[in-house]
Amino acid sequence: MEEVKEQEKIMFSPSVCSYADDETTSYKIEIQLPGVEKDTIKLKMHDDSFFIKGETEDTIYIGTYAICCPVKPEEAKATYNQGLLKIDVPFKEEDYKSIDIKIE
């Protein structure tokens, strides 16, 4: 009987884009997970970070990321469509102040 060796999966950090919305009331996170089925995605969020993992037949996308300002993870909303996971989570303190900086 021949022994069949299971192929190892390749691990990658997914591409992540994150930013505060224009009103600075919530934090937006977009994560690219090409080819990943929704039911393989694991998303865990804390008030200062999040963990993401998603798998395809031969790839594992995995990473842990810090969040710039404290958020309310219990109020996070996530949607997934065609390889793009979008997360919207409100800041703990609303109305963060920002200052426009002149670029010379």
PDB file of N, CA and C in Angstrom:
ATOM      1  N   MET A   1       0.840  -1.165   0.000  1.00  0.00           N
ATOM      2  CA  MET A   1       0.000   0.000   0.000  1.00  0.00           C
ATOM      3  C   MET A   1       0.896   1.243   0.000  1.00  0.00           C
ATOM      4  N   GLU A   2       0.614   2.185  -0.892  1.00  0.00           N
ATOM      5  CA  GLU A   2       1.406   3.406  -0.996  1.00  0.00           C
ATOM      6  C   GLU A   2       0.970   4.425   0.043  1.00  0.00           C
ATOM      7  N   GLU A   3       1.960   5.097   0.588  1.00  0.00           N
ATOM      8  CA  GLU A   3       1.653   6.159   1.548  1.00  0.00           C
ATOM      9  C   GLU A   3       1.484   7.463   0.774  1.00  0.00           C
ATOM     10  N   VAL A   4       0.359   8.113   0.997  1.00  0.00           N
ATOM     11  CA  VAL A   4       0.086   9.384   0.328  1.00  0.00           C
ATOM     12  C   VAL A   4       0.423  10.503   1.303  1.00  0.00           C
ATOM     13  N   LYS A   5       1.343  11.359   0.889  1.00  0.00           N
ATOM     14  CA  LYS A   5       1.768  12.468   1.742  1.00  0.00           C
ATOM     15  C   LYS A   5       0.907  13.686   1.436  1.00  0.00           C
ATOM     16  N   GLU A   6       0.326  14.261   2.470  1.00  0.00           N
ATOM     17  CA  GLU A   6      -0.508  15.440   2.300  1.00  0.00           C
ATOM     18  C   GLU A   6       0.374  16.656   2.005  1.00  0.00           C
ATOM     19  N   GLN A   7      -0.019  17.428   0.998  1.00  0.00           N
ATOM     20  CA  GLN A   7       0.742  18.616   0.614  1.00  0.00           C
ATOM     21  C   GLN A   7       0.571  19.707   1.676  1.00  0.00           C
ATOM     22  N   GLU A   8       1.676  20.344   2.046  1.00  0.00           N
ATOM     23  CA  GLU A   8       1.615  21.420   3.019  1.00  0.00           C
ATOM     24  C   GLU A   8       1.035  22.665   2.374  1.00  0.00           C
ATOM     25  N   LYS A   9       0.280  23.411   3.165  1.00  0.00           N
ATOM     26  CA  LYS A   9      -0.298  24.654   2.668  1.00  0.00           C
ATOM     27  C   LYS A   9       0.707  25.786   2.829  1.00  0.00           C
ATOM     28  N   ILE A  10       0.641  26.734   1.912  1.00  0.00           N
ATOM     29  CA  ILE A  10       1.490  27.923   1.971  1.00  0.00           C
ATOM     30  C   ILE A  10       0.780  28.957   2.838  1.00  0.00           C
ATOM     31  N   MET A  11       1.554  29.634   3.709  1.00  0.00           N
ATOM     32  CA  MET A  11       0.969  30.637   4.598  1.00  0.00           C
ATOM     33  C   MET A  11       1.352  32.039   4.115  1.00  0.00           C
ATOM     34  N   PHE A  12       0.343  32.944   4.112  1.00  0.00           N
ATOM     35  CA  PHE A  12       0.534  34.332   3.726  1.00  0.00           C
ATOM     36  C   PHE A  12      -0.160  35.246   4.716  1.00  0.00           C
ATOM     37  N   SER A  13       0.371  36.463   4.861  1.00  0.00           N
ATOM     38  CA  SER A  13      -0.363  37.524   5.556  1.00  0.00           C
ATOM     39  C   SER A  13      -1.289  38.156   4.527  1.00  0.00           C
ATOM     40  N   PRO A  14      -2.565  38.294   4.841  1.00  0.00           N
ATOM     41  CA  PRO A  14      -3.460  38.911   3.864  1.00  0.00           C
ATOM     42  C   PRO A  14      -3.182  40.408   3.741  1.00  0.00           C
ATOM     43  N   SER A  15      -3.573  40.968   2.624  1.00  0.00           N
ATOM     44  CA  SER A  15      -3.463  42.410   2.416  1.00  0.00           C
ATOM     45  C   SER A  15      -4.570  43.090   3.222  1.00  0.00           C
ATOM     46  N   VAL A  16      -4.179  44.055   4.081  1.00  0.00           N
ATOM     47  CA  VAL A  16      -5.132  44.724   4.970  1.00  0.00           C
ATOM     48  C   VAL A  16      -5.052  46.235   4.752  1.00  0.00           C
ATOM     49  N   CYS A  17      -6.212  46.863   4.617  1.00  0.00           N
ATOM     50  CA  CYS A  17      -6.310  48.319   4.552  1.00  0.00           C
ATOM     51  C   CYS A  17      -7.239  48.746   5.684  1.00  0.00           C
ATOM     52  N   SER A  18      -6.797  49.678   6.532  1.00  0.00           N
ATOM     53  CA  SER A  18      -7.642  50.114   7.645  1.00  0.00           C
ATOM     54  C   SER A  18      -7.547  51.623   7.801  1.00  0.00           C
ATOM     55  N   TYR A  19      -8.678  52.227   8.223  1.00  0.00           N
ATOM     56  CA  TYR A  19      -8.754  53.685   8.319  1.00  0.00           C
ATOM     57  C   TYR A  19      -9.968  54.090   9.136  1.00  0.00           C
ATOM     58  N   ALA A  20      -9.924  55.308   9.666  1.00  0.00           N
ATOM     59  CA  ALA A  20     -11.091  55.871  10.355  1.00  0.00           C
ATOM     60  C   ALA A  20     -12.007  56.476   9.303  1.00  0.00           C
ATOM     61  N   ASP A  21     -13.329  56.395   9.524  1.00  0.00           N
ATOM     62  CA  ASP A  21     -14.253  57.016   8.581  1.00  0.00           C
ATOM     63  C   ASP A  21     -14.137  58.542   8.679  1.00  0.00           C
ATOM     64  N   ASP A  22     -14.759  59.247   7.743  1.00  0.00           N
ATOM     65  CA  ASP A  22     -14.638  60.711   7.679  1.00  0.00           C
ATOM     66  C   ASP A  22     -15.132  61.407   8.940  1.00  0.00           C
ATOM     67  N   GLU A  23     -16.119  60.835   9.612  1.00  0.00           N
ATOM     68  CA  GLU A  23     -16.664  61.446  10.829  1.00  0.00           C
ATOM     69  C   GLU A  23     -15.902  61.019  12.080  1.00  0.00           C
ATOM     70  N   THR A  24     -14.915  60.173  11.910  1.00  0.00           N
ATOM     71  CA  THR A  24     -14.117  59.577  12.998  1.00  0.00           C
ATOM     72  C   THR A  24     -14.983  58.951  14.097  1.00  0.00           C
ATOM     73  N   THR A  25     -16.051  58.275  13.680  1.00  0.00           N
ATOM     74  CA  THR A  25     -16.890  57.552  14.630  1.00  0.00           C
ATOM     75  C   THR A  25     -16.648  56.045  14.575  1.00  0.00           C
ATOM     76  N   SER A  26     -16.100  55.571  13.457  1.00  0.00           N
ATOM     77  CA  SER A  26     -15.848  54.139  13.349  1.00  0.00           C
ATOM     78  C   SER A  26     -14.575  53.858  12.566  1.00  0.00           C
ATOM     79  N   TYR A  27     -14.089  52.635  12.741  1.00  0.00           N
ATOM     80  CA  TYR A  27     -12.862  52.168  12.115  1.00  0.00           C
ATOM     81  C   TYR A  27     -13.250  51.173  11.033  1.00  0.00           C
ATOM     82  N   LYS A  28     -12.719  51.349   9.848  1.00  0.00           N
ATOM     83  CA  LYS A  28     -13.004  50.480   8.709  1.00  0.00           C
ATOM     84  C   LYS A  28     -11.785  49.606   8.445  1.00  0.00           C
ATOM     85  N   ILE A  29     -12.026  48.327   8.204  1.00  0.00           N
ATOM     86  CA  ILE A  29     -10.954  47.383   7.900  1.00  0.00           C
ATOM     87  C   ILE A  29     -11.378  46.591   6.668  1.00  0.00           C
ATOM     88  N   GLU A  30     -10.498  46.512   5.677  1.00  0.00           N
ATOM     89  CA  GLU A  30     -10.751  45.709   4.481  1.00  0.00           C
ATOM     90  C   GLU A  30      -9.604  44.713   4.331  1.00  0.00           C
ATOM     91  N   ILE A  31      -9.960  43.436   4.196  1.00  0.00           N
ATOM     92  CA  ILE A  31      -8.968  42.366   4.148  1.00  0.00           C
ATOM     93  C   ILE A  31      -9.189  41.545   2.883  1.00  0.00           C
ATOM     94  N   GLN A  32      -8.147  41.411   2.072  1.00  0.00           N
ATOM     95  CA  GLN A  32      -8.240  40.621   0.850  1.00  0.00           C
ATOM     96  C   GLN A  32      -7.917  39.162   1.143  1.00  0.00           C
ATOM     97  N   LEU A  33      -8.882  38.302   0.825  1.00  0.00           N
ATOM     98  CA  LEU A  33      -8.738  36.859   1.028  1.00  0.00           C
ATOM     99  C   LEU A  33      -9.132  36.134  -0.259  1.00  0.00           C
ATOM    100  N   PRO A  34      -8.324  36.245  -1.318  1.00  0.00           N
ATOM    101  CA  PRO A  34      -8.715  35.680  -2.617  1.00  0.00           C
ATOM    102  C   PRO A  34      -8.905  34.166  -2.579  1.00  0.00           C
ATOM    103  N   GLY A  35     -10.038  33.733  -3.110  1.00  0.00           N
ATOM    104  CA  GLY A  35     -10.323  32.303  -3.205  1.00  0.00           C
ATOM    105  C   GLY A  35     -10.802  31.644  -1.933  1.00  0.00           C
ATOM    106  N   VAL A  36     -10.931  32.399  -0.851  1.00  0.00           N
ATOM    107  CA  VAL A  36     -11.338  31.836   0.439  1.00  0.00           C
ATOM    108  C   VAL A  36     -12.865  31.743   0.511  1.00  0.00           C
ATOM    109  N   GLU A  37     -13.354  30.600   0.955  1.00  0.00           N
ATOM    110  CA  GLU A  37     -14.789  30.427   1.192  1.00  0.00           C
ATOM    111  C   GLU A  37     -15.140  31.030   2.554  1.00  0.00           C
ATOM    112  N   LYS A  38     -16.300  31.677   2.636  1.00  0.00           N
ATOM    113  CA  LYS A  38     -16.703  32.374   3.859  1.00  0.00           C
ATOM    114  C   LYS A  38     -16.681  31.482   5.093  1.00  0.00           C
ATOM    115  N   ASP A  39     -17.080  30.228   4.949  1.00  0.00           N
ATOM    116  CA  ASP A  39     -17.166  29.343   6.118  1.00  0.00           C
ATOM    117  C   ASP A  39     -15.801  28.915   6.664  1.00  0.00           C
ATOM    118  N   THR A  40     -14.702  29.236   5.972  1.00  0.00           N
ATOM    119  CA  THR A  40     -13.369  28.922   6.492  1.00  0.00           C
ATOM    120  C   THR A  40     -12.739  30.110   7.219  1.00  0.00           C
ATOM    121  N   ILE A  41     -13.408  31.257   7.225  1.00  0.00           N
ATOM    122  CA  ILE A  41     -12.836  32.461   7.828  1.00  0.00           C
ATOM    123  C   ILE A  41     -13.074  32.478   9.334  1.00  0.00           C
ATOM    124  N   LYS A  42     -12.000  32.759  10.072  1.00  0.00           N
ATOM    125  CA  LYS A  42     -12.096  32.969  11.520  1.00  0.00           C
ATOM    126  C   LYS A  42     -11.660  34.400  11.788  1.00  0.00           C
ATOM    127  N   LEU A  43     -12.509  35.171  12.445  1.00  0.00           N
ATOM    128  CA  LEU A  43     -12.224  36.558  12.780  1.00  0.00           C
ATOM    129  C   LEU A  43     -12.470  36.746  14.267  1.00  0.00           C
ATOM    130  N   LYS A  44     -11.436  37.194  14.981  1.00  0.00           N
ATOM    131  CA  LYS A  44     -11.559  37.492  16.408  1.00  0.00           C
ATOM    132  C   LYS A  44     -11.099  38.923  16.606  1.00  0.00           C
ATOM    133  N   MET A  45     -11.850  39.683  17.383  1.00  0.00           N
ATOM    134  CA  MET A  45     -11.523  41.087  17.574  1.00  0.00           C
ATOM    135  C   MET A  45     -11.515  41.440  19.049  1.00  0.00           C
ATOM    136  N   HIS A  46     -10.512  42.217  19.427  1.00  0.00           N
ATOM    137  CA  HIS A  46     -10.386  42.784  20.770  1.00  0.00           C
ATOM    138  C   HIS A  46     -10.538  44.294  20.642  1.00  0.00           C
ATOM    139  N   ASP A  47     -10.485  44.995  21.748  1.00  0.00           N
ATOM    140  CA  ASP A  47     -10.641  46.446  21.649  1.00  0.00           C
ATOM    141  C   ASP A  47      -9.405  47.133  21.071  1.00  0.00           C
ATOM    142  N   ASP A  48      -8.282  46.403  20.938  1.00  0.00           N
ATOM    143  CA  ASP A  48      -7.069  47.023  20.406  1.00  0.00           C
ATOM    144  C   ASP A  48      -6.390  46.218  19.289  1.00  0.00           C
ATOM    145  N   SER A  49      -7.020  45.106  18.851  1.00  0.00           N
ATOM    146  CA  SER A  49      -6.398  44.267  17.821  1.00  0.00           C
ATOM    147  C   SER A  49      -7.427  43.294  17.247  1.00  0.00           C
ATOM    148  N   PHE A  50      -7.016  42.627  16.141  1.00  0.00           N
ATOM    149  CA  PHE A  50      -7.874  41.569  15.598  1.00  0.00           C
ATOM    150  C   PHE A  50      -7.005  40.472  14.991  1.00  0.00           C
ATOM    151  N   PHE A  51      -7.583  39.273  14.901  1.00  0.00           N
ATOM    152  CA  PHE A  51      -6.951  38.090  14.330  1.00  0.00           C
ATOM    153  C   PHE A  51      -7.810  37.626  13.171  1.00  0.00           C
ATOM    154  N   ILE A  52      -7.167  37.275  12.054  1.00  0.00           N
ATOM    155  CA  ILE A  52      -7.887  36.781  10.885  1.00  0.00           C
ATOM    156  C   ILE A  52      -7.201  35.521  10.354  1.00  0.00           C
ATOM    157  N   LYS A  53      -8.024  34.558   9.947  1.00  0.00           N
ATOM    158  CA  LYS A  53      -7.504  33.347   9.314  1.00  0.00           C
ATOM    159  C   LYS A  53      -8.527  32.872   8.300  1.00  0.00           C
ATOM    160  N   GLY A  54      -8.061  32.554   7.113  1.00  0.00           N
ATOM    161  CA  GLY A  54      -8.922  32.005   6.067  1.00  0.00           C
ATOM    162  C   GLY A  54      -8.110  31.036   5.231  1.00  0.00           C
ATOM    163  N   GLU A  55      -8.775  30.018   4.682  1.00  0.00           N
ATOM    164  CA  GLU A  55      -8.045  28.975   3.956  1.00  0.00           C
ATOM    165  C   GLU A  55      -8.643  28.688   2.597  1.00  0.00           C
ATOM    166  N   THR A  56      -7.756  28.339   1.665  1.00  0.00           N
ATOM    167  CA  THR A  56      -8.148  27.762   0.389  1.00  0.00           C
ATOM    168  C   THR A  56      -7.585  26.344   0.376  1.00  0.00           C
ATOM    169  N   GLU A  57      -7.683  25.690  -0.749  1.00  0.00           N
ATOM    170  CA  GLU A  57      -7.191  24.319  -0.850  1.00  0.00           C
ATOM    171  C   GLU A  57      -5.687  24.221  -0.575  1.00  0.00           C
ATOM    172  N   ASP A  58      -4.930  25.248  -0.980  1.00  0.00           N
ATOM    173  CA  ASP A  58      -3.477  25.183  -0.821  1.00  0.00           C
ATOM    174  C   ASP A  58      -2.851  26.369  -0.089  1.00  0.00           C
ATOM    175  N   THR A  59      -3.679  27.283   0.423  1.00  0.00           N
ATOM    176  CA  THR A  59      -3.154  28.496   1.053  1.00  0.00           C
ATOM    177  C   THR A  59      -3.865  28.786   2.368  1.00  0.00           C
ATOM    178  N   ILE A  60      -3.099  29.282   3.339  1.00  0.00           N
ATOM    179  CA  ILE A  60      -3.667  29.789   4.589  1.00  0.00           C
ATOM    180  C   ILE A  60      -3.292  31.267   4.682  1.00  0.00           C
ATOM    181  N   TYR A  61      -4.304  32.123   4.793  1.00  0.00           N
ATOM    182  CA  TYR A  61      -4.090  33.547   5.057  1.00  0.00           C
ATOM    183  C   TYR A  61      -4.279  33.744   6.553  1.00  0.00           C
ATOM    184  N   ILE A  62      -3.271  34.320   7.215  1.00  0.00           N
ATOM    185  CA  ILE A  62      -3.336  34.426   8.670  1.00  0.00           C
ATOM    186  C   ILE A  62      -2.574  35.656   9.144  1.00  0.00           C
ATOM    187  N   GLY A  63      -3.088  36.313  10.188  1.00  0.00           N
ATOM    188  CA  GLY A  63      -2.380  37.452  10.744  1.00  0.00           C
ATOM    189  C   GLY A  63      -3.083  38.034  11.959  1.00  0.00           C
ATOM    190  N   THR A  64      -2.317  38.742  12.767  1.00  0.00           N
ATOM    191  CA  THR A  64      -2.830  39.488  13.907  1.00  0.00           C
ATOM    192  C   THR A  64      -2.391  40.936  13.721  1.00  0.00           C
ATOM    193  N   TYR A  65      -3.329  41.869  13.911  1.00  0.00           N
ATOM    194  CA  TYR A  65      -3.065  43.269  13.601  1.00  0.00           C
ATOM    195  C   TYR A  65      -3.530  44.171  14.742  1.00  0.00           C
ATOM    196  N   ALA A  66      -2.743  45.215  15.010  1.00  0.00           N
ATOM    197  CA  ALA A  66      -3.111  46.206  16.029  1.00  0.00           C
ATOM    198  C   ALA A  66      -4.087  47.207  15.418  1.00  0.00           C
ATOM    199  N   ILE A  67      -4.952  47.747  16.268  1.00  0.00           N
ATOM    200  CA  ILE A  67      -5.894  48.793  15.880  1.00  0.00           C
ATOM    201  C   ILE A  67      -5.432  50.091  16.542  1.00  0.00           C
ATOM    202  N   CYS A  68      -5.481  51.176  15.809  1.00  0.00           N
ATOM    203  CA  CYS A  68      -4.894  52.448  16.273  1.00  0.00           C
ATOM    204  C   CYS A  68      -5.525  53.004  17.546  1.00  0.00           C
ATOM    205  N   CYS A  69      -6.831  52.866  17.687  1.00  0.00           N
ATOM    206  CA  CYS A  69      -7.548  53.441  18.823  1.00  0.00           C
ATOM    207  C   CYS A  69      -8.534  52.401  19.349  1.00  0.00           C
ATOM    208  N   PRO A  70      -8.876  52.433  20.633  1.00  0.00           N
ATOM    209  CA  PRO A  70      -9.801  51.425  21.171  1.00  0.00           C
ATOM    210  C   PRO A  70     -11.157  51.429  20.459  1.00  0.00           C
ATOM    211  N   VAL A  71     -11.647  50.223  20.171  1.00  0.00           N
ATOM    212  CA  VAL A  71     -12.931  50.052  19.489  1.00  0.00           C
ATOM    213  C   VAL A  71     -13.867  49.197  20.342  1.00  0.00           C
ATOM    214  N   LYS A  72     -15.120  49.089  19.900  1.00  0.00           N
ATOM    215  CA  LYS A  72     -16.124  48.261  20.574  1.00  0.00           C
ATOM    216  C   LYS A  72     -16.326  46.984  19.751  1.00  0.00           C
ATOM    217  N   PRO A  73     -15.549  45.932  20.014  1.00  0.00           N
ATOM    218  CA  PRO A  73     -15.636  44.730  19.182  1.00  0.00           C
ATOM    219  C   PRO A  73     -17.010  44.071  19.204  1.00  0.00           C
ATOM    220  N   GLU A  74     -17.741  44.224  20.295  1.00  0.00           N
ATOM    221  CA  GLU A  74     -19.068  43.611  20.381  1.00  0.00           C
ATOM    222  C   GLU A  74     -20.068  44.259  19.416  1.00  0.00           C
ATOM    223  N   GLU A  75     -19.727  45.427  18.860  1.00  0.00           N
ATOM    224  CA  GLU A  75     -20.605  46.120  17.905  1.00  0.00           C
ATOM    225  C   GLU A  75     -20.079  46.058  16.473  1.00  0.00           C
ATOM    226  N   ALA A  76     -19.043  45.258  16.235  1.00  0.00           N
ATOM    227  CA  ALA A  76     -18.457  45.139  14.896  1.00  0.00           C
ATOM    228  C   ALA A  76     -19.429  44.452  13.945  1.00  0.00           C
ATOM    229  N   LYS A  77     -19.397  44.903  12.695  1.00  0.00           N
ATOM    230  CA  LYS A  77     -20.187  44.278  11.635  1.00  0.00           C
ATOM    231  C   LYS A  77     -19.242  43.909  10.511  1.00  0.00           C
ATOM    232  N   ALA A  78     -19.384  42.679  10.001  1.00  0.00           N
ATOM    233  CA  ALA A  78     -18.500  42.202   8.943  1.00  0.00           C
ATOM    234  C   ALA A  78     -19.307  41.625   7.795  1.00  0.00           C
ATOM    235  N   THR A  79     -18.857  41.909   6.570  1.00  0.00           N
ATOM    236  CA  THR A  79     -19.458  41.335   5.366  1.00  0.00           C
ATOM    237  C   THR A  79     -18.337  40.765   4.497  1.00  0.00           C
ATOM    238  N   TYR A  80     -18.681  39.742   3.722  1.00  0.00           N
ATOM    239  CA  TYR A  80     -17.687  39.098   2.868  1.00  0.00           C
ATOM    240  C   TYR A  80     -18.294  38.884   1.494  1.00  0.00           C
ATOM    241  N   ASN A  81     -17.567  39.355   0.463  1.00  0.00           N
ATOM    242  CA  ASN A  81     -18.052  39.208  -0.897  1.00  0.00           C
ATOM    243  C   ASN A  81     -16.861  39.127  -1.845  1.00  0.00           C
ATOM    244  N   GLN A  82     -16.788  38.066  -2.613  1.00  0.00           N
ATOM    245  CA  GLN A  82     -15.786  37.866  -3.660  1.00  0.00           C
ATOM    246  C   GLN A  82     -14.357  38.136  -3.188  1.00  0.00           C
ATOM    247  N   GLY A  83     -13.992  37.548  -2.073  1.00  0.00           N
ATOM    248  CA  GLY A  83     -12.622  37.635  -1.599  1.00  0.00           C
ATOM    249  C   GLY A  83     -12.269  38.870  -0.798  1.00  0.00           C
ATOM    250  N   LEU A  84     -13.256  39.733  -0.505  1.00  0.00           N
ATOM    251  CA  LEU A  84     -12.990  40.943   0.268  1.00  0.00           C
ATOM    252  C   LEU A  84     -13.849  40.952   1.529  1.00  0.00           C
ATOM    253  N   LEU A  85     -13.182  40.920   2.687  1.00  0.00           N
ATOM    254  CA  LEU A  85     -13.853  40.995   3.976  1.00  0.00           C
ATOM    255  C   LEU A  85     -13.829  42.449   4.436  1.00  0.00           C
ATOM    256  N   LYS A  86     -15.007  43.012   4.705  1.00  0.00           N
ATOM    257  CA  LYS A  86     -15.120  44.391   5.176  1.00  0.00           C
ATOM    258  C   LYS A  86     -15.658  44.384   6.597  1.00  0.00           C
ATOM    259  N   ILE A  87     -14.972  45.116   7.473  1.00  0.00           N
ATOM    260  CA  ILE A  87     -15.358  45.201   8.875  1.00  0.00           C
ATOM    261  C   ILE A  87     -15.557  46.663   9.229  1.00  0.00           C
ATOM    262  N   ASP A  88     -16.629  46.951   9.946  1.00  0.00           N
ATOM    263  CA  ASP A  88     -16.921  48.306  10.422  1.00  0.00           C
ATOM    264  C   ASP A  88     -17.151  48.188  11.924  1.00  0.00           C
ATOM    265  N   VAL A  89     -16.320  48.880  12.708  1.00  0.00           N
ATOM    266  CA  VAL A  89     -16.419  48.777  14.160  1.00  0.00           C
ATOM    267  C   VAL A  89     -16.325  50.184  14.759  1.00  0.00           C
ATOM    268  N   PRO A  90     -17.258  50.545  15.647  1.00  0.00           N
ATOM    269  CA  PRO A  90     -17.221  51.897  16.228  1.00  0.00           C
ATOM    270  C   PRO A  90     -16.086  52.070  17.233  1.00  0.00           C
ATOM    271  N   PHE A  91     -15.575  53.293  17.291  1.00  0.00           N
ATOM    272  CA  PHE A  91     -14.577  53.633  18.301  1.00  0.00           C
ATOM    273  C   PHE A  91     -15.239  53.648  19.677  1.00  0.00           C
ATOM    274  N   LYS A  92     -14.466  53.364  20.730  1.00  0.00           N
ATOM    275  CA  LYS A  92     -15.001  53.458  22.096  1.00  0.00           C
ATOM    276  C   LYS A  92     -15.320  54.895  22.449  1.00  0.00           C
ATOM    277  N   GLU A  93     -14.402  55.787  22.124  1.00  0.00           N
ATOM    278  CA  GLU A  93     -14.650  57.208  22.347  1.00  0.00           C
ATOM    279  C   GLU A  93     -14.972  57.836  21.005  1.00  0.00           C
ATOM    280  N   GLU A  94     -16.127  58.441  20.910  1.00  0.00           N
ATOM    281  CA  GLU A  94     -16.483  59.092  19.657  1.00  0.00           C
ATOM    282  C   GLU A  94     -15.807  60.448  19.572  1.00  0.00           C
ATOM    283  N   ASP A  95     -15.713  60.952  18.377  1.00  0.00           N
ATOM    284  CA  ASP A  95     -15.208  62.292  18.115  1.00  0.00           C
ATOM    285  C   ASP A  95     -13.720  62.434  18.436  1.00  0.00           C
ATOM    286  N   TYR A  96     -12.907  61.516  17.888  1.00  0.00           N
ATOM    287  CA  TYR A  96     -11.464  61.705  17.984  1.00  0.00           C
ATOM    288  C   TYR A  96     -11.095  62.941  17.196  1.00  0.00           C
ATOM    289  N   LYS A  97     -10.244  63.745  17.746  1.00  0.00           N
ATOM    290  CA  LYS A  97      -9.805  64.981  17.095  1.00  0.00           C
ATOM    291  C   LYS A  97      -8.648  64.683  16.163  1.00  0.00           C
ATOM    292  N   SER A  98      -8.677  65.287  14.995  1.00  0.00           N
ATOM    293  CA  SER A  98      -7.543  65.196  14.080  1.00  0.00           C
ATOM    294  C   SER A  98      -7.204  66.596  13.590  1.00  0.00           C
ATOM    295  N   ILE A  99      -5.965  66.759  13.212  1.00  0.00           N
ATOM    296  CA  ILE A  99      -5.479  68.067  12.780  1.00  0.00           C
ATOM    297  C   ILE A  99      -4.951  67.916  11.349  1.00  0.00           C
ATOM    298  N   ASP A 100      -5.374  68.815  10.460  1.00  0.00           N
ATOM    299  CA  ASP A 100      -4.841  68.813   9.091  1.00  0.00           C
ATOM    300  C   ASP A 100      -3.420  69.359   9.129  1.00  0.00           C
ATOM    301  N   ILE A 101      -2.512  68.676   8.474  1.00  0.00           N
ATOM    302  CA  ILE A 101      -1.110  69.072   8.409  1.00  0.00           C
ATOM    303  C   ILE A 101      -0.785  69.539   7.000  1.00  0.00           C
ATOM    304  N   LYS A 102      -0.229  70.722   6.895  1.00  0.00           N
ATOM    305  CA  LYS A 102       0.151  71.259   5.591  1.00  0.00           C
ATOM    306  C   LYS A 102       1.369  70.511   5.085  1.00  0.00           C
ATOM    307  N   ILE A 103       1.309  70.079   3.841  1.00  0.00           N
ATOM    308  CA  ILE A 103       2.417  69.369   3.226  1.00  0.00           C
ATOM    309  C   ILE A 103       3.143  70.327   2.276  1.00  0.00           C
ATOM    310  N   GLU A 104       4.420  70.489   2.504  1.00  0.00           N
ATOM    311  CA  GLU A 104       5.202  71.446   1.696  1.00  0.00           C
ATOM    312  C   GLU A 104       5.889  70.751   0.550  1.00  0.00           C
TER     313      GLU A 104
END
